[in-house]
Amino acid sequence: MVRKLTALALLLAACGTPEYRAERSLCEAEWAVKIPPVYVKEIYNETRTREVPTGQSICEPVKKSKKMVCQDVMRTETYTVPALRTVDRNEGRRNIQIRACAIAACQQKFGNAECKLPE
């Protein structure tokens, strides 16, 4: 859930005006100090795929020969394995504060949450 919110926040930040991105950058520096990263390792289930034979083969004759060439029919199988990753436990909290900070700065300087210049 936190990762999805983080990805959404990053996506929204990438779509903002240059003025919004500048304000956000200032807020990121401020909140990186106030809520520093806390990196921890966690075990999770990683999804992988592999090709496995179905037990069937497709055989075709070789031209101008009495030989046959057979090839196994394969299918894709999905499985999970335990894996280790490093995550920032404070990332979600920090991103909420960064977004609020950027919106407040935009409201103050531009009169709107997106830092849009008057047309």
N, C-alpha and C. Protein backbone atom coordinates (compact mmCIF):
# COMPACT_ATOMS: atom_id res chain seq x y z
N MET A 1 0.83 -1.20 0.00
CA MET A 1 0.00 0.00 0.00
C MET A 1 0.87 1.26 0.00
N VAL A 2 1.88 1.26 0.90
CA VAL A 2 2.76 2.43 0.99
C VAL A 2 3.51 2.62 -0.32
N ARG A 3 3.94 1.52 -0.93
CA ARG A 3 4.67 1.61 -2.19
C ARG A 3 3.78 2.19 -3.29
N LYS A 4 2.51 1.79 -3.32
CA LYS A 4 1.59 2.31 -4.32
C LYS A 4 1.38 3.80 -4.13
N LEU A 5 1.24 4.23 -2.87
CA LEU A 5 1.07 5.66 -2.60
C LEU A 5 2.32 6.44 -2.98
N THR A 6 3.48 5.85 -2.71
CA THR A 6 4.74 6.51 -3.05
C THR A 6 4.86 6.65 -4.56
N ALA A 7 4.54 5.58 -5.28
CA ALA A 7 4.60 5.64 -6.74
C ALA A 7 3.63 6.67 -7.29
N LEU A 8 2.44 6.75 -6.71
CA LEU A 8 1.46 7.74 -7.13
C LEU A 8 1.97 9.15 -6.86
N ALA A 9 2.56 9.34 -5.69
CA ALA A 9 3.09 10.67 -5.35
C ALA A 9 4.20 11.07 -6.31
N LEU A 10 5.07 10.14 -6.64
CA LEU A 10 6.15 10.43 -7.58
C LEU A 10 5.60 10.73 -8.97
N LEU A 11 4.58 9.99 -9.37
CA LEU A 11 3.96 10.24 -10.66
C LEU A 11 3.32 11.62 -10.70
N LEU A 12 2.61 11.98 -9.66
CA LEU A 12 1.99 13.30 -9.61
C LEU A 12 3.04 14.41 -9.61
N ALA A 13 4.13 14.18 -8.90
CA ALA A 13 5.19 15.19 -8.85
C ALA A 13 5.82 15.37 -10.23
N ALA A 14 5.96 14.29 -10.97
CA ALA A 14 6.57 14.37 -12.29
C ALA A 14 5.69 15.13 -13.26
N CYS A 15 4.40 15.16 -13.00
CA CYS A 15 3.46 15.81 -13.92
C CYS A 15 3.24 17.29 -13.58
N GLY A 16 3.76 17.77 -12.46
CA GLY A 16 3.51 19.13 -12.02
C GLY A 16 4.25 20.16 -12.85
N THR A 17 3.93 21.41 -12.57
CA THR A 17 4.59 22.52 -13.26
C THR A 17 6.04 22.61 -12.79
N PRO A 18 6.89 23.30 -13.54
CA PRO A 18 8.27 23.49 -13.10
C PRO A 18 8.33 24.20 -11.74
N GLU A 19 7.40 25.12 -11.51
CA GLU A 19 7.36 25.84 -10.23
C GLU A 19 7.00 24.88 -9.09
N TYR A 20 6.06 23.96 -9.35
CA TYR A 20 5.69 22.97 -8.33
C TYR A 20 6.88 22.06 -8.03
N ARG A 21 7.55 21.61 -9.08
CA ARG A 21 8.71 20.72 -8.87
C ARG A 21 9.80 21.43 -8.08
N ALA A 22 9.99 22.72 -8.31
CA ALA A 22 10.99 23.47 -7.55
C ALA A 22 10.61 23.56 -6.08
N GLU A 23 9.35 23.85 -5.80
CA GLU A 23 8.88 23.91 -4.40
C GLU A 23 8.98 22.54 -3.75
N ARG A 24 8.62 21.52 -4.48
CA ARG A 24 8.70 20.16 -3.94
C ARG A 24 10.14 19.78 -3.62
N SER A 25 11.05 20.17 -4.47
CA SER A 25 12.47 19.87 -4.24
C SER A 25 12.95 20.51 -2.94
N LEU A 26 12.55 21.76 -2.69
CA LEU A 26 12.91 22.42 -1.44
C LEU A 26 12.31 21.68 -0.24
N CYS A 27 11.07 21.26 -0.39
CA CYS A 27 10.40 20.52 0.69
C CYS A 27 11.05 19.16 0.92
N GLU A 28 11.49 18.50 -0.14
CA GLU A 28 12.15 17.20 -0.01
C GLU A 28 13.42 17.34 0.83
N ALA A 29 14.20 18.40 0.57
CA ALA A 29 15.42 18.62 1.34
C ALA A 29 15.10 18.86 2.81
N GLU A 30 14.07 19.65 3.07
CA GLU A 30 13.68 19.96 4.45
C GLU A 30 13.20 18.71 5.19
N TRP A 31 12.32 17.93 4.55
CA TRP A 31 11.73 16.78 5.23
C TRP A 31 12.64 15.57 5.26
N ALA A 32 13.67 15.55 4.43
CA ALA A 32 14.66 14.46 4.52
C ALA A 32 15.44 14.58 5.82
N VAL A 33 15.54 15.81 6.34
CA VAL A 33 16.21 16.03 7.62
C VAL A 33 15.24 15.78 8.77
N LYS A 34 14.01 16.24 8.63
CA LYS A 34 13.02 16.09 9.70
C LYS A 34 12.58 14.64 9.90
N ILE A 35 12.40 13.93 8.80
CA ILE A 35 12.03 12.50 8.87
C ILE A 35 13.04 11.75 8.02
N PRO A 36 14.21 11.44 8.60
CA PRO A 36 15.26 10.80 7.81
C PRO A 36 14.88 9.35 7.44
N PRO A 37 15.50 8.84 6.38
CA PRO A 37 15.24 7.46 6.00
C PRO A 37 15.67 6.49 7.11
N VAL A 38 14.88 5.46 7.29
CA VAL A 38 15.22 4.36 8.18
C VAL A 38 15.16 3.10 7.32
N TYR A 39 16.34 2.63 6.91
CA TYR A 39 16.39 1.49 6.02
C TYR A 39 16.42 0.19 6.82
N VAL A 40 15.56 -0.73 6.42
CA VAL A 40 15.53 -2.05 7.03
C VAL A 40 15.41 -3.08 5.92
N LYS A 41 15.90 -4.27 6.22
CA LYS A 41 15.77 -5.37 5.26
C LYS A 41 14.53 -6.16 5.63
N GLU A 42 13.79 -6.56 4.60
CA GLU A 42 12.60 -7.36 4.85
C GLU A 42 12.54 -8.50 3.85
N ILE A 43 11.94 -9.58 4.30
CA ILE A 43 11.73 -10.73 3.43
C ILE A 43 10.36 -10.59 2.79
N TYR A 44 10.28 -10.87 1.51
CA TYR A 44 9.01 -10.82 0.79
C TYR A 44 8.98 -11.95 -0.22
N ASN A 45 7.83 -12.21 -0.80
CA ASN A 45 7.70 -13.23 -1.83
C ASN A 45 7.86 -12.60 -3.19
N GLU A 46 8.92 -12.97 -3.89
CA GLU A 46 9.18 -12.47 -5.23
C GLU A 46 8.55 -13.41 -6.25
N THR A 47 7.85 -12.86 -7.20
CA THR A 47 7.21 -13.67 -8.24
C THR A 47 8.15 -13.79 -9.43
N ARG A 48 8.32 -15.02 -9.87
CA ARG A 48 9.17 -15.30 -11.02
C ARG A 48 8.41 -16.18 -12.00
N THR A 49 8.93 -16.29 -13.20
CA THR A 49 8.35 -17.19 -14.19
C THR A 49 9.45 -18.08 -14.76
N ARG A 50 9.03 -19.23 -15.25
CA ARG A 50 9.95 -20.15 -15.92
C ARG A 50 9.18 -20.94 -16.95
N GLU A 51 9.90 -21.43 -17.94
CA GLU A 51 9.31 -22.25 -18.99
C GLU A 51 9.46 -23.71 -18.58
N VAL A 52 8.36 -24.45 -18.63
CA VAL A 52 8.39 -25.87 -18.27
C VAL A 52 7.73 -26.67 -19.40
N PRO A 53 8.21 -27.89 -19.65
CA PRO A 53 7.62 -28.70 -20.71
C PRO A 53 6.22 -29.18 -20.33
N THR A 54 5.35 -29.26 -21.32
CA THR A 54 3.99 -29.74 -21.08
C THR A 54 3.90 -31.25 -21.21
N GLY A 55 4.92 -31.88 -21.76
CA GLY A 55 4.88 -33.32 -22.03
C GLY A 55 4.50 -33.60 -23.47
N GLN A 56 4.17 -32.57 -24.21
CA GLN A 56 3.83 -32.72 -25.62
C GLN A 56 5.01 -32.25 -26.48
N SER A 57 5.06 -32.78 -27.68
CA SER A 57 6.10 -32.38 -28.64
C SER A 57 5.46 -32.09 -29.98
N ILE A 58 6.10 -31.23 -30.74
CA ILE A 58 5.69 -30.96 -32.11
C ILE A 58 6.84 -31.45 -32.99
N CYS A 59 6.50 -32.38 -33.87
CA CYS A 59 7.53 -32.96 -34.74
C CYS A 59 7.25 -32.59 -36.19
N GLU A 60 8.31 -32.28 -36.92
CA GLU A 60 8.20 -31.93 -38.34
C GLU A 60 9.28 -32.68 -39.11
N PRO A 61 8.95 -33.10 -40.29
CA PRO A 61 9.97 -33.79 -41.10
C PRO A 61 10.99 -32.79 -41.64
N VAL A 62 12.23 -33.26 -41.75
CA VAL A 62 13.29 -32.45 -42.34
C VAL A 62 13.19 -32.63 -43.85
N LYS A 63 13.23 -31.53 -44.60
CA LYS A 63 13.10 -31.60 -46.06
C LYS A 63 14.20 -32.48 -46.66
N LYS A 64 13.78 -33.26 -47.65
CA LYS A 64 14.69 -34.14 -48.40
C LYS A 64 15.43 -35.10 -47.48
N SER A 65 14.75 -35.54 -46.42
CA SER A 65 15.37 -36.47 -45.49
C SER A 65 14.26 -37.30 -44.86
N LYS A 66 14.64 -38.41 -44.29
CA LYS A 66 13.66 -39.25 -43.59
C LYS A 66 13.67 -38.98 -42.10
N LYS A 67 14.36 -37.93 -41.69
CA LYS A 67 14.47 -37.60 -40.27
C LYS A 67 13.33 -36.69 -39.83
N MET A 68 13.05 -36.73 -38.54
CA MET A 68 12.05 -35.85 -37.92
C MET A 68 12.77 -35.00 -36.88
N VAL A 69 12.36 -33.74 -36.79
CA VAL A 69 12.88 -32.85 -35.76
C VAL A 69 11.71 -32.55 -34.82
N CYS A 70 11.92 -32.85 -33.55
CA CYS A 70 10.85 -32.64 -32.56
C CYS A 70 11.26 -31.54 -31.58
N GLN A 71 10.26 -30.81 -31.17
CA GLN A 71 10.50 -29.73 -30.20
C GLN A 71 9.44 -29.83 -29.11
N ASP A 72 9.89 -29.75 -27.85
CA ASP A 72 8.95 -29.81 -26.73
C ASP A 72 8.06 -28.58 -26.71
N VAL A 73 6.80 -28.79 -26.39
CA VAL A 73 5.87 -27.67 -26.19
C VAL A 73 6.06 -27.19 -24.75
N MET A 74 6.25 -25.91 -24.60
CA MET A 74 6.52 -25.34 -23.28
C MET A 74 5.36 -24.45 -22.85
N ARG A 75 5.24 -24.26 -21.54
CA ARG A 75 4.27 -23.32 -20.98
C ARG A 75 4.99 -22.49 -19.91
N THR A 76 4.47 -21.30 -19.68
CA THR A 76 5.05 -20.42 -18.68
C THR A 76 4.40 -20.71 -17.33
N GLU A 77 5.23 -20.95 -16.34
CA GLU A 77 4.76 -21.23 -14.99
C GLU A 77 5.21 -20.10 -14.07
N THR A 78 4.29 -19.62 -13.24
CA THR A 78 4.61 -18.57 -12.27
C THR A 78 4.79 -19.21 -10.91
N TYR A 79 5.81 -18.75 -10.18
CA TYR A 79 6.07 -19.26 -8.84
C TYR A 79 6.65 -18.15 -7.98
N THR A 80 6.66 -18.35 -6.69
CA THR A 80 7.23 -17.35 -5.79
C THR A 80 8.39 -17.95 -5.00
N VAL A 81 9.33 -17.08 -4.69
CA VAL A 81 10.47 -17.47 -3.86
C VAL A 81 10.69 -16.39 -2.82
N PRO A 82 11.16 -16.77 -1.64
CA PRO A 82 11.47 -15.74 -0.65
C PRO A 82 12.67 -14.92 -1.13
N ALA A 83 12.60 -13.62 -0.94
CA ALA A 83 13.68 -12.73 -1.35
C ALA A 83 13.85 -11.65 -0.29
N LEU A 84 14.96 -10.95 -0.35
CA LEU A 84 15.28 -9.91 0.62
C LEU A 84 15.37 -8.58 -0.11
N ARG A 85 14.77 -7.54 0.47
CA ARG A 85 14.87 -6.20 -0.10
C ARG A 85 15.05 -5.20 1.02
N THR A 86 15.59 -4.03 0.65
CA THR A 86 15.78 -2.95 1.60
C THR A 86 14.69 -1.92 1.36
N VAL A 87 14.00 -1.53 2.43
CA VAL A 87 12.94 -0.54 2.32
C VAL A 87 13.17 0.58 3.33
N ASP A 88 12.64 1.75 3.01
CA ASP A 88 12.70 2.90 3.90
C ASP A 88 11.39 2.96 4.68
N ARG A 89 11.44 2.69 5.96
CA ARG A 89 10.23 2.67 6.79
C ARG A 89 9.57 4.04 6.91
N ASN A 90 10.32 5.11 6.70
CA ASN A 90 9.78 6.46 6.84
C ASN A 90 9.33 7.08 5.52
N GLU A 91 9.48 6.37 4.43
CA GLU A 91 9.20 6.95 3.11
C GLU A 91 7.76 7.47 2.98
N GLY A 92 6.80 6.68 3.39
CA GLY A 92 5.40 7.10 3.27
C GLY A 92 5.08 8.34 4.08
N ARG A 93 5.51 8.35 5.35
CA ARG A 93 5.27 9.52 6.21
C ARG A 93 5.95 10.75 5.65
N ARG A 94 7.18 10.58 5.18
CA ARG A 94 7.94 11.72 4.65
C ARG A 94 7.28 12.28 3.39
N ASN A 95 6.83 11.40 2.51
CA ASN A 95 6.21 11.85 1.26
C ASN A 95 4.91 12.62 1.50
N ILE A 96 4.15 12.22 2.50
CA ILE A 96 2.94 12.96 2.85
C ILE A 96 3.29 14.38 3.26
N GLN A 97 4.32 14.52 4.08
CA GLN A 97 4.75 15.85 4.55
C GLN A 97 5.32 16.68 3.40
N ILE A 98 6.07 16.04 2.52
CA ILE A 98 6.65 16.76 1.37
C ILE A 98 5.54 17.32 0.49
N ARG A 99 4.54 16.50 0.22
CA ARG A 99 3.43 16.95 -0.63
C ARG A 99 2.68 18.10 0.04
N ALA A 100 2.40 17.97 1.33
CA ALA A 100 1.69 19.03 2.05
C ALA A 100 2.50 20.32 2.06
N CYS A 101 3.80 20.19 2.25
CA CYS A 101 4.70 21.35 2.25
C CYS A 101 4.69 22.05 0.89
N ALA A 102 4.77 21.27 -0.19
CA ALA A 102 4.79 21.85 -1.54
C ALA A 102 3.46 22.54 -1.84
N ILE A 103 2.36 21.93 -1.45
CA ILE A 103 1.05 22.54 -1.69
C ILE A 103 0.92 23.85 -0.92
N ALA A 104 1.37 23.85 0.34
CA ALA A 104 1.29 25.07 1.16
C ALA A 104 2.14 26.18 0.55
N ALA A 105 3.35 25.84 0.09
CA ALA A 105 4.22 26.84 -0.53
C ALA A 105 3.60 27.39 -1.82
N CYS A 106 2.99 26.51 -2.60
CA CYS A 106 2.33 26.95 -3.85
C CYS A 106 1.14 27.86 -3.54
N GLN A 107 0.37 27.47 -2.54
CA GLN A 107 -0.78 28.30 -2.15
C GLN A 107 -0.31 29.69 -1.75
N GLN A 108 0.77 29.74 -0.99
CA GLN A 108 1.27 31.02 -0.50
C GLN A 108 1.83 31.88 -1.64
N LYS A 109 2.61 31.27 -2.54
CA LYS A 109 3.29 32.04 -3.59
C LYS A 109 2.44 32.28 -4.84
N PHE A 110 1.58 31.31 -5.18
CA PHE A 110 0.86 31.38 -6.45
C PHE A 110 -0.66 31.43 -6.28
N GLY A 111 -1.13 31.18 -5.07
CA GLY A 111 -2.57 31.19 -4.83
C GLY A 111 -3.29 29.94 -5.27
N ASN A 112 -2.53 28.88 -5.59
CA ASN A 112 -3.13 27.60 -5.96
C ASN A 112 -2.19 26.47 -5.58
N ALA A 113 -2.72 25.25 -5.48
CA ALA A 113 -1.93 24.09 -5.01
C ALA A 113 -0.97 23.55 -6.04
N GLU A 114 -1.13 23.92 -7.30
CA GLU A 114 -0.29 23.36 -8.38
C GLU A 114 0.84 24.30 -8.78
N CYS A 115 0.94 25.47 -8.16
CA CYS A 115 1.95 26.49 -8.53
C CYS A 115 1.76 26.96 -9.97
N LYS A 116 0.52 27.00 -10.43
CA LYS A 116 0.26 27.46 -11.80
C LYS A 116 0.33 28.98 -11.84
N LEU A 117 1.00 29.48 -12.86
CA LEU A 117 1.12 30.92 -13.05
C LEU A 117 -0.20 31.46 -13.60
N PRO A 118 -0.58 32.69 -13.25
CA PRO A 118 -1.80 33.26 -13.80
C PRO A 118 -1.66 33.42 -15.32
N GLU A 119 -2.75 33.19 -16.01
CA GLU A 119 -2.70 33.26 -17.49
C GLU A 119 -3.00 34.65 -17.99
